[in-house]
C-alpha atoms as a PDB file:
ATOM      1  CA  UNK A   1     -25.932  30.943 103.594  1.00  0.00           C
ATOM      2  CA  UNK A   2     -25.726  34.480 102.583  1.00  0.00           C
ATOM      3  CA  UNK A   3     -22.933  35.176 100.193  1.00  0.00           C
ATOM      4  CA  UNK A   4     -21.076  37.334 101.432  1.00  0.00           C
ATOM      5  CA  UNK A   5     -20.665  41.278  99.515  1.00  0.00           C
ATOM      6  CA  UNK A   6     -16.308  41.627  99.806  1.00  0.00           C
ATOM      7  CA  UNK A   7     -15.147  43.639 101.897  1.00  0.00           C
ATOM      8  CA  UNK A   8     -13.845  47.252 101.193  1.00  0.00           C
ATOM      9  CA  UNK A   9      -9.970  46.371 102.233  1.00  0.00           C
ATOM     10  CA  UNK A  10      -9.687  43.434 100.102  1.00  0.00           C
ATOM     11  CA  UNK A  11     -11.302  45.392  97.075  1.00  0.00           C
ATOM     12  CA  UNK A  12      -8.110  47.928  97.325  1.00  0.00           C
ATOM     13  CA  UNK A  13      -5.466  45.037  97.150  1.00  0.00           C
ATOM     14  CA  UNK A  14      -7.636  43.682  93.904  1.00  0.00           C
ATOM     15  CA  UNK A  15      -7.457  40.664  95.449  1.00  0.00           C
ATOM     16  CA  UNK A  16     -11.551  40.141  95.485  1.00  0.00           C
ATOM     17  CA  UNK A  17     -13.067  41.611  91.967  1.00  0.00           C
ATOM     18  CA  UNK A  18     -15.990  44.605  92.114  1.00  0.00           C
ATOM     19  CA  UNK A  19     -19.667  42.649  92.185  1.00  0.00           C
ATOM     20  CA  UNK A  20     -21.924  43.774  89.601  1.00  0.00           C
ATOM     21  CA  UNK A  21     -25.685  43.938  89.655  1.00  0.00           C
ATOM     22  CA  UNK A  22     -27.211  44.191  87.115  1.00  0.00           C
ATOM     23  CA  UNK A  23     -30.456  46.231  86.874  1.00  0.00           C
ATOM     24  CA  UNK A  24     -34.135  44.874  86.072  1.00  0.00           C
ATOM     25  CA  UNK A  25     -36.845  46.910  85.179  1.00  0.00           C
ATOM     26  CA  UNK A  26     -40.420  45.288  85.317  1.00  0.00           C
ATOM     27  CA  UNK A  27     -42.155  49.135  85.104  1.00  0.00           C
ATOM     28  CA  UNK A  28     -43.837  50.881  82.570  1.00  0.00           C
ATOM     29  CA  UNK A  29     -41.945  54.222  83.643  1.00  0.00           C
ATOM     30  CA  UNK A  30     -38.398  53.945  84.640  1.00  0.00           C
ATOM     31  CA  UNK A  31     -35.923  56.397  82.744  1.00  0.00           C
ATOM     32  CA  UNK A  32     -33.625  54.616  80.710  1.00  0.00           C
ATOM     33  CA  UNK A  33     -35.792  50.816  80.291  1.00  0.00           C
ATOM     34  CA  UNK A  34     -38.919  51.643  81.388  1.00  0.00           C
ATOM     35  CA  UNK A  35     -41.993  49.116  80.065  1.00  0.00           C
ATOM     36  CA  UNK A  36     -39.012  46.472  77.748  1.00  0.00           C
ATOM     37  CA  UNK A  37     -39.251  44.502  80.118  1.00  0.00           C
ATOM     38  CA  UNK A  38     -43.093  44.365  81.797  1.00  0.00           C
ATOM     39  CA  UNK A  39     -43.227  41.074  80.477  1.00  0.00           C
ATOM     40  CA  UNK A  40     -42.528  38.500  82.403  1.00  0.00           C
ATOM     41  CA  UNK A  41     -40.793  36.563  79.897  1.00  0.00           C
ATOM     42  CA  UNK A  42     -38.915  38.890  77.892  1.00  0.00           C
ATOM     43  CA  UNK A  43     -37.747  40.605  81.278  1.00  0.00           C
ATOM     44  CA  UNK A  44     -36.470  36.512  82.852  1.00  0.00           C
ATOM     45  CA  UNK A  45     -35.075  36.111  79.429  1.00  0.00           C
ATOM     46  CA  UNK A  46     -32.862  39.403  79.796  1.00  0.00           C
ATOM     47  CA  UNK A  47     -32.306  38.131  83.546  1.00  0.00           C
ATOM     48  CA  UNK A  48     -30.422  35.336  81.446  1.00  0.00           C
ATOM     49  CA  UNK A  49     -28.737  37.463  79.585  1.00  0.00           C
ATOM     50  CA  UNK A  50     -27.071  39.521  82.112  1.00  0.00           C
ATOM     51  CA  UNK A  51     -26.220  36.652  83.901  1.00  0.00           C
ATOM     52  CA  UNK A  52     -24.850  35.600  81.043  1.00  0.00           C
ATOM     53  CA  UNK A  53     -22.829  38.780  80.432  1.00  0.00           C
ATOM     54  CA  UNK A  54     -21.419  38.143  83.541  1.00  0.00           C
ATOM     55  CA  UNK A  55     -23.468  40.188  86.400  1.00  0.00           C
ATOM     56  CA  UNK A  56     -22.864  38.630  89.958  1.00  0.00           C
ATOM     57  CA  UNK A  57     -26.458  39.908  91.211  1.00  0.00           C
ATOM     58  CA  UNK A  58     -30.074  40.550  89.560  1.00  0.00           C
ATOM     59  CA  UNK A  59     -31.688  43.552  90.912  1.00  0.00           C
ATOM     60  CA  UNK A  60     -35.171  43.956  90.180  1.00  0.00           C
ATOM     61  CA  UNK A  61     -37.750  46.535  90.721  1.00  0.00           C
ATOM     62  CA  UNK A  62     -41.123  46.535  90.259  1.00  0.00           C
ATOM     63  CA  UNK A  63     -41.567  50.601  90.779  1.00  0.00           C
ATOM     64  CA  UNK A  64     -39.629  53.615  88.975  1.00  0.00           C
ATOM     65  CA  UNK A  65     -38.275  55.781  90.970  1.00  0.00           C
ATOM     66  CA  UNK A  66     -37.077  57.992  88.603  1.00  0.00           C
ATOM     67  CA  UNK A  67     -37.670  61.920  89.119  1.00  0.00           C
ATOM     68  CA  UNK A  68     -41.207  62.883  88.995  1.00  0.00           C
ATOM     69  CA  UNK A  69     -42.642  58.956  89.302  1.00  0.00           C
ATOM     70  CA  UNK A  70     -45.721  58.059  89.756  1.00  0.00           C
ATOM     71  CA  UNK A  71     -46.323  55.991  93.348  1.00  0.00           C
ATOM     72  CA  UNK A  72     -47.736  52.329  93.044  1.00  0.00           C
ATOM     73  CA  UNK A  73     -49.519  50.057  95.562  1.00  0.00           C
ATOM     74  CA  UNK A  74     -48.107  47.191  97.113  1.00  0.00           C
ATOM     75  CA  UNK A  75     -50.685  44.861  95.365  1.00  0.00           C
ATOM     76  CA  UNK A  76     -49.334  46.993  91.702  1.00  0.00           C
ATOM     77  CA  UNK A  77     -45.838  46.463  92.407  1.00  0.00           C
ATOM     78  CA  UNK A  78     -46.434  42.846  93.215  1.00  0.00           C
ATOM     79  CA  UNK A  79     -48.164  42.316  90.383  1.00  0.00           C
ATOM     80  CA  UNK A  80     -45.189  43.028  88.802  1.00  0.00           C
ATOM     81  CA  UNK A  81     -42.763  41.243  90.647  1.00  0.00           C
ATOM     82  CA  UNK A  82     -43.515  38.003  91.463  1.00  0.00           C
ATOM     83  CA  UNK A  83     -44.277  36.272  88.244  1.00  0.00           C
ATOM     84  CA  UNK A  84     -40.364  36.997  87.378  1.00  0.00           C
ATOM     85  CA  UNK A  85     -39.127  35.581  90.980  1.00  0.00           C
ATOM     86  CA  UNK A  86     -41.179  32.556  90.557  1.00  0.00           C
ATOM     87  CA  UNK A  87     -39.969  31.788  87.265  1.00  0.00           C
ATOM     88  CA  UNK A  88     -36.280  32.361  87.879  1.00  0.00           C
ATOM     89  CA  UNK A  89     -35.486  29.206  89.292  1.00  0.00           C
ATOM     90  CA  UNK A  90     -36.943  27.175  86.207  1.00  0.00           C
ATOM     91  CA  UNK A  91     -35.234  29.215  84.085  1.00  0.00           C
ATOM     92  CA  UNK A  92     -32.154  28.712  85.625  1.00  0.00           C
ATOM     93  CA  UNK A  93     -32.409  24.800  85.360  1.00  0.00           C
ATOM     94  CA  UNK A  94     -33.889  25.008  89.117  1.00  0.00           C
ATOM     95  CA  UNK A  95     -31.063  27.202  90.788  1.00  0.00           C
ATOM     96  CA  UNK A  96     -30.797  31.147  89.866  1.00  0.00           C
ATOM     97  CA  UNK A  97     -27.031  31.143  89.915  1.00  0.00           C
ATOM     98  CA  UNK A  98     -26.754  34.662  91.166  1.00  0.00           C
ATOM     99  CA  UNK A  99     -28.207  36.804  94.212  1.00  0.00           C
ATOM    100  CA  UNK A 100     -31.240  37.990  93.451  1.00  0.00           C
ATOM    101  CA  UNK A 101     -31.670  41.737  95.273  1.00  0.00           C
ATOM    102  CA  UNK A 102     -35.302  43.302  94.834  1.00  0.00           C
ATOM    103  CA  UNK A 103     -35.231  47.185  94.693  1.00  0.00           C
ATOM    104  CA  UNK A 104     -38.838  48.576  96.963  1.00  0.00           C
ATOM    105  CA  UNK A 105     -39.378  50.931  99.519  1.00  0.00           C
ATOM    106  CA  UNK A 106     -42.161  48.506 101.223  1.00  0.00           C
ATOM    107  CA  UNK A 107     -41.531  46.071 103.908  1.00  0.00           C
ATOM    108  CA  UNK A 108     -44.732  44.310 102.626  1.00  0.00           C
ATOM    109  CA  UNK A 109     -43.303  43.911  99.297  1.00  0.00           C
ATOM    110  CA  UNK A 110     -39.839  42.510 100.510  1.00  0.00           C
ATOM    111  CA  UNK A 111     -41.091  40.214 102.738  1.00  0.00           C
ATOM    112  CA  UNK A 112     -43.132  39.170  99.565  1.00  0.00           C
ATOM    113  CA  UNK A 113     -39.772  38.903  97.395  1.00  0.00           C
ATOM    114  CA  UNK A 114     -37.618  36.884 100.284  1.00  0.00           C
ATOM    115  CA  UNK A 115     -39.956  34.485 100.728  1.00  0.00           C
ATOM    116  CA  UNK A 116     -39.391  33.647  96.794  1.00  0.00           C
ATOM    117  CA  UNK A 117     -36.138  33.588  97.478  1.00  0.00           C
ATOM    118  CA  UNK A 118     -34.676  37.089  96.933  1.00  0.00           C
ATOM    119  CA  UNK A 119     -31.430  37.638  99.802  1.00  0.00           C
ATOM    120  CA  UNK A 120     -31.018  41.157  99.190  1.00  0.00           C
ATOM    121  CA  UNK A 121     -33.000  44.282  99.980  1.00  0.00           C
ATOM    122  CA  UNK A 122     -32.135  47.328  98.062  1.00  0.00           C
ATOM    123  CA  UNK A 123     -34.261  50.101  99.785  1.00  0.00           C
ATOM    124  CA  UNK A 124     -33.824  53.557  98.795  1.00  0.00           C
ATOM    125  CA  UNK A 125     -35.378  54.986 101.628  1.00  0.00           C
ATOM    126  CA  UNK A 126     -32.327  53.274 103.914  1.00  0.00           C
ATOM    127  CA  UNK A 127     -34.734  52.090 106.378  1.00  0.00           C
ATOM    128  CA  UNK A 128     -36.465  55.153 107.163  1.00  0.00           C
ATOM    129  CA  UNK A 129     -39.023  55.180 104.790  1.00  0.00           C
ATOM    130  CA  UNK A 130     -40.999  51.864 105.694  1.00  0.00           C
ATOM    131  CA  UNK A 131     -40.302  51.635 109.272  1.00  0.00           C
ATOM    132  CA  UNK A 132     -40.830  47.891 108.844  1.00  0.00           C
ATOM    133  CA  UNK A 133     -38.651  47.472 106.441  1.00  0.00           C
ATOM    134  CA  UNK A 134     -35.937  46.899 109.285  1.00  0.00           C
ATOM    135  CA  UNK A 135     -37.942  44.323 110.936  1.00  0.00           C
ATOM    136  CA  UNK A 136     -38.391  42.206 107.246  1.00  0.00           C
ATOM    137  CA  UNK A 137     -34.729  41.610 106.462  1.00  0.00           C
ATOM    138  CA  UNK A 138     -34.094  40.883 110.096  1.00  0.00           C
ATOM    139  CA  UNK A 139     -36.573  38.196 110.337  1.00  0.00           C
ATOM    140  CA  UNK A 140     -35.604  36.898 107.094  1.00  0.00           C
ATOM    141  CA  UNK A 141     -31.212  36.952 107.892  1.00  0.00           C
ATOM    142  CA  UNK A 142     -31.431  38.955 104.610  1.00  0.00           C
ATOM    143  CA  UNK A 143     -28.818  41.568 103.349  1.00  0.00           C
ATOM    144  CA  UNK A 144     -29.668  45.235 102.464  1.00  0.00           C
ATOM    145  CA  UNK A 145     -28.811  48.170 100.931  1.00  0.00           C
ATOM    146  CA  UNK A 146     -29.359  51.520 102.571  1.00  0.00           C
ATOM    147  CA  UNK A 147     -29.564  53.669  99.807  1.00  0.00           C
ATOM    148  CA  UNK A 148     -29.102  57.762 100.915  1.00  0.00           C
ATOM    149  CA  UNK A 149     -32.057  60.321  99.847  1.00  0.00           C
ATOM    150  CA  UNK A 150     -33.510  63.477  99.727  1.00  0.00           C
ATOM    151  CA  UNK A 151     -36.991  64.887  98.668  1.00  0.00           C
ATOM    152  CA  UNK A 152     -35.323  67.461  96.944  1.00  0.00           C
ATOM    153  CA  UNK A 153     -31.854  68.857  96.264  1.00  0.00           C
ATOM    154  CA  UNK A 154     -30.371  71.716  98.172  1.00  0.00           C
ATOM    155  CA  UNK A 155     -27.256  72.929  97.152  1.00  0.00           C
ATOM    156  CA  UNK A 156     -26.462  74.700 100.502  1.00  0.00           C
ATOM    157  CA  UNK A 157     -25.950  72.006 102.431  1.00  0.00           C
ATOM    158  CA  UNK A 158     -22.441  69.605 102.802  1.00  0.00           C
ATOM    159  CA  UNK A 159     -23.787  66.735 100.645  1.00  0.00           C
ATOM    160  CA  UNK A 160     -21.142  64.243 102.598  1.00  0.00           C
ATOM    161  CA  UNK A 161     -22.217  65.698 106.305  1.00  0.00           C
ATOM    162  CA  UNK A 162     -25.926  64.929 104.754  1.00  0.00           C
ATOM    163  CA  UNK A 163     -24.700  61.122 104.351  1.00  0.00           C
ATOM    164  CA  UNK A 164     -22.866  60.616 106.833  1.00  0.00           C
ATOM    165  CA  UNK A 165     -25.696  61.686 109.004  1.00  0.00           C
ATOM    166  CA  UNK A 166     -28.552  59.812 107.135  1.00  0.00           C
ATOM    167  CA  UNK A 167     -26.290  56.475 107.322  1.00  0.00           C
ATOM    168  CA  UNK A 168     -25.739  57.096 111.071  1.00  0.00           C
ATOM    169  CA  UNK A 169     -29.496  57.279 111.719  1.00  0.00           C
ATOM    170  CA  UNK A 170     -30.264  53.750 109.558  1.00  0.00           C
ATOM    171  CA  UNK A 171     -27.682  52.187 111.446  1.00  0.00           C
ATOM    172  CA  UNK A 172     -29.264  52.665 114.199  1.00  0.00           C
ATOM    173  CA  UNK A 173     -31.754  51.654 112.617  1.00  0.00           C
ATOM    174  CA  UNK A 174     -31.032  48.389 111.519  1.00  0.00           C
ATOM    175  CA  UNK A 175     -29.328  47.741 115.078  1.00  0.00           C
ATOM    176  CA  UNK A 176     -32.428  48.105 116.840  1.00  0.00           C
ATOM    177  CA  UNK A 177     -34.062  46.029 114.242  1.00  0.00           C
ATOM    178  CA  UNK A 178     -31.717  43.059 114.846  1.00  0.00           C
ATOM    179  CA  UNK A 179     -30.173  43.078 111.331  1.00  0.00           C
ATOM    180  CA  UNK A 180     -26.379  42.582 112.032  1.00  0.00           C
ATOM    181  CA  UNK A 181     -23.930  45.134 110.399  1.00  0.00           C
ATOM    182  CA  UNK A 182     -21.687  43.082 108.073  1.00  0.00           C
ATOM    183  CA  UNK A 183     -25.244  42.353 106.131  1.00  0.00           C
ATOM    184  CA  UNK A 184     -25.863  45.829 105.411  1.00  0.00           C
ATOM    185  CA  UNK A 185     -24.372  47.665 102.596  1.00  0.00           C
ATOM    186  CA  UNK A 186     -24.544  51.461 101.634  1.00  0.00           C
ATOM    187  CA  UNK A 187     -25.093  53.484  98.937  1.00  0.00           C
ATOM    188  CA  UNK A 188     -24.759  57.263  98.403  1.00  0.00           C
ATOM    189  CA  UNK A 189     -27.483  57.374  96.307  1.00  0.00           C
ATOM    190  CA  UNK A 190     -25.975  59.101  92.684  1.00  0.00           C
ATOM    191  CA  UNK A 191     -29.384  60.491  90.894  1.00  0.00           C
ATOM    192  CA  UNK A 192     -30.996  61.167  94.187  1.00  0.00           C
ATOM    193  CA  UNK A 193     -32.237  64.332  95.875  1.00  0.00           C
ATOM    194  CA  UNK A 194     -27.970  65.911  94.840  1.00  0.00           C
ATOM    195  CA  UNK A 195     -27.493  68.698  92.623  1.00  0.00           C
ATOM    196  CA  UNK A 196     -25.254  67.844  89.779  1.00  0.00           C
ATOM    197  CA  UNK A 197     -21.851  69.676  91.667  1.00  0.00           C
ATOM    198  CA  UNK A 198     -23.477  67.613  94.087  1.00  0.00           C
ATOM    199  CA  UNK A 199     -22.867  63.874  92.679  1.00  0.00           C
ATOM    200  CA  UNK A 200     -19.614  64.580  91.148  1.00  0.00           C
ATOM    201  CA  UNK A 201     -18.708  65.639  94.721  1.00  0.00           C
ATOM    202  CA  UNK A 202     -19.545  62.415  96.234  1.00  0.00           C
ATOM    203  CA  UNK A 203     -17.913  60.369  93.628  1.00  0.00           C
ATOM    204  CA  UNK A 204     -14.854  61.985  93.780  1.00  0.00           C
ATOM    205  CA  UNK A 205     -14.653  61.554  98.031  1.00  0.00           C
ATOM    206  CA  UNK A 206     -16.521  58.180  98.162  1.00  0.00           C
ATOM    207  CA  UNK A 207     -12.897  57.139 100.332  1.00  0.00           C
ATOM    208  CA  UNK A 208     -14.598  59.183 102.956  1.00  0.00           C
ATOM    209  CA  UNK A 209     -17.456  57.017 103.192  1.00  0.00           C
ATOM    210  CA  UNK A 210     -15.661  53.760 102.882  1.00  0.00           C
ATOM    211  CA  UNK A 211     -13.052  55.404 105.755  1.00  0.00           C
ATOM    212  CA  UNK A 212     -16.124  56.331 108.419  1.00  0.00           C
ATOM    213  CA  UNK A 213     -18.269  53.067 108.185  1.00  0.00           C
ATOM    214  CA  UNK A 214     -16.221  50.142 107.123  1.00  0.00           C
ATOM    215  CA  UNK A 215     -18.707  48.874 105.178  1.00  0.00           C
ATOM    216  CA  UNK A 216     -19.070  47.795 101.479  1.00  0.00           C
ATOM    217  CA  UNK A 217     -20.226  50.822  99.228  1.00  0.00           C
ATOM    218  CA  UNK A 218     -22.611  50.377  96.853  1.00  0.00           C
ATOM    219  CA  UNK A 219     -22.326  52.935  93.762  1.00  0.00           C
ATOM    220  CA  UNK A 220     -24.824  53.556  90.635  1.00  0.00           C
ATOM    221  CA  UNK A 221     -24.263  56.409  88.513  1.00  0.00           C
ATOM    222  CA  UNK A 222     -25.387  54.135  85.543  1.00  0.00           C
ATOM    223  CA  UNK A 223     -26.880  55.980  82.614  1.00  0.00           C
ATOM    224  CA  UNK A 224     -27.751  59.066  85.326  1.00  0.00           C
ATOM    225  CA  UNK A 225     -28.729  62.927  84.134  1.00  0.00           C
ATOM    226  CA  UNK A 226     -25.683  64.288  86.091  1.00  0.00           C
ATOM    227  CA  UNK A 227     -23.754  62.899  82.702  1.00  0.00           C
ATOM    228  CA  UNK A 228     -26.263  65.078  80.763  1.00  0.00           C
ATOM    229  CA  UNK A 229     -23.157  67.699  80.427  1.00  0.00           C
ATOM    230  CA  UNK A 230     -20.723  65.447  79.450  1.00  0.00           C
ATOM    231  CA  UNK A 231     -22.699  62.965  77.023  1.00  0.00           C
ATOM    232  CA  UNK A 232     -25.903  65.218  76.156  1.00  0.00           C
ATOM    233  CA  UNK A 233     -30.105  64.160  76.907  1.00  0.00           C
ATOM    234  CA  UNK A 234     -30.708  60.205  75.597  1.00  0.00           C
ATOM    235  CA  UNK A 235     -30.147  57.912  78.486  1.00  0.00           C
ATOM    236  CA  UNK A 236     -28.945  55.157  76.030  1.00  0.00           C
ATOM    237  CA  UNK A 237     -26.208  57.345  75.139  1.00  0.00           C
ATOM    238  CA  UNK A 238     -24.758  57.543  78.612  1.00  0.00           C
ATOM    239  CA  UNK A 239     -22.064  54.397  78.798  1.00  0.00           C
ATOM    240  CA  UNK A 240     -18.912  55.777  78.118  1.00  0.00           C
ATOM    241  CA  UNK A 241     -19.871  58.497  81.153  1.00  0.00           C
ATOM    242  CA  UNK A 242     -21.002  55.830  83.100  1.00  0.00           C
ATOM    243  CA  UNK A 243     -17.745  53.829  82.886  1.00  0.00           C
ATOM    244  CA  UNK A 244     -15.641  56.238  83.734  1.00  0.00           C
ATOM    245  CA  UNK A 245     -17.655  56.972  86.806  1.00  0.00           C
ATOM    246  CA  UNK A 246     -17.493  53.446  87.637  1.00  0.00           C
ATOM    247  CA  UNK A 247     -13.940  52.492  87.256  1.00  0.00           C
ATOM    248  CA  UNK A 248     -13.243  55.984  89.495  1.00  0.00           C
ATOM    249  CA  UNK A 249     -15.613  54.806  92.018  1.00  0.00           C
ATOM    250  CA  UNK A 250     -13.645  51.874  92.488  1.00  0.00           C
ATOM    251  CA  UNK A 251      -9.968  52.564  92.457  1.00  0.00           C
ATOM    252  CA  UNK A 252     -11.986  54.428  95.450  1.00  0.00           C
ATOM    253  CA  UNK A 253     -12.852  51.545  97.227  1.00  0.00           C
ATOM    254  CA  UNK A 254     -16.896  50.810  95.876  1.00  0.00           C
ATOM    255  CA  UNK A 255     -17.466  47.123  96.019  1.00  0.00           C
ATOM    256  CA  UNK A 256     -20.432  46.629  93.622  1.00  0.00           C
ATOM    257  CA  UNK A 257     -21.535  48.351  90.515  1.00  0.00           C
ATOM    258  CA  UNK A 258     -25.401  48.855  90.218  1.00  0.00           C
ATOM    259  CA  UNK A 259     -25.508  48.608  85.901  1.00  0.00           C
ATOM    260  CA  UNK A 260     -27.320  48.738  83.079  1.00  0.00           C
ATOM    261  CA  UNK A 261     -24.775  47.383  80.709  1.00  0.00           C
ATOM    262  CA  UNK A 262     -23.077  44.242  82.218  1.00  0.00           C
ATOM    263  CA  UNK A 263     -20.918  43.412  79.617  1.00  0.00           C
ATOM    264  CA  UNK A 264     -19.602  46.735  79.270  1.00  0.00           C
ATOM    265  CA  UNK A 265     -18.338  46.711  82.913  1.00  0.00           C
ATOM    266  CA  UNK A 266     -17.076  43.370  82.801  1.00  0.00           C
ATOM    267  CA  UNK A 267     -14.231  44.261  80.353  1.00  0.00           C
ATOM    268  CA  UNK A 268     -13.993  47.903  81.319  1.00  0.00           C
ATOM    269  CA  UNK A 269     -13.560  46.533  85.529  1.00  0.00           C
ATOM    270  CA  UNK A 270     -11.144  43.363  83.846  1.00  0.00           C
ATOM    271  CA  UNK A 271      -8.778  45.582  82.346  1.00  0.00           C
ATOM    272  CA  UNK A 272      -9.131  48.378  85.322  1.00  0.00           C
ATOM    273  CA  UNK A 273      -8.024  44.774  87.250  1.00  0.00           C
ATOM    274  CA  UNK A 274      -5.327  43.976  85.320  1.00  0.00           C
ATOM    275  CA  UNK A 275      -3.710  47.362  85.461  1.00  0.00           C
ATOM    276  CA  UNK A 276      -4.400  47.419  89.332  1.00  0.00           C
ATOM    277  CA  UNK A 277      -2.205  43.396  89.705  1.00  0.00           C
ATOM    278  CA  UNK A 278       0.272  44.949  87.749  1.00  0.00           C
ATOM    279  CA  UNK A 279       1.723  47.404  90.126  1.00  0.00           C
ATOM    280  CA  UNK A 280       5.257  47.048  91.778  1.00  0.00           C
END
């Protein structure tokens, strides 16, 4: 049976904690941690550490999608991904205690990952890249994260209108393929196809998306370049800015945070929730 993510109305009352999705990149070129976990044993050790820190979901990606990334074949992606997926159950004593998500744009990779125990597909093109993706998710009874994306930023557009139009199309594709709406999560795509100003605008207006679609919203601002004017160039030094953006996102109804730094987020969200629950 699939685990359900919390509903937005529950989150706003503080009854259900925000879920933390931990980033695990098994790539040589991701913008923040590329190359650190290419070795499957190191990746599995990192998975254990992330779960111990409080992660609810492991999001495993084997192809970098940073700006200027070099695309790889499905075969290469699977060579990186499958040893990690196959080794996780043994690493946790037979059963992985959290949800496992696969971060991929390829239907064939998603299908193989779901067969190995993943239950979520994180598609940065929201079913609009590989058109077979929605059918794979439907056939597996999986959940999916539909992210807004653009090939290039365009400062002249209304970014919130663009996101709404994009999600409407993604949801139509999902419905046509037979993916139940309650298995879908929306991600406005911080760091993808937006100017720095537009990314802040999206974060400032998340409630528009939650109110429009009534679906859980995932926010992934972790160490993203839009924070550079506030905290500098090194992605490793962007934790304070990340925490500020993510805490603000939860007050606007974000249901899931996709993060590099799990322990810091557990602490920050614990304080945020305690304060929210003390309101008269």
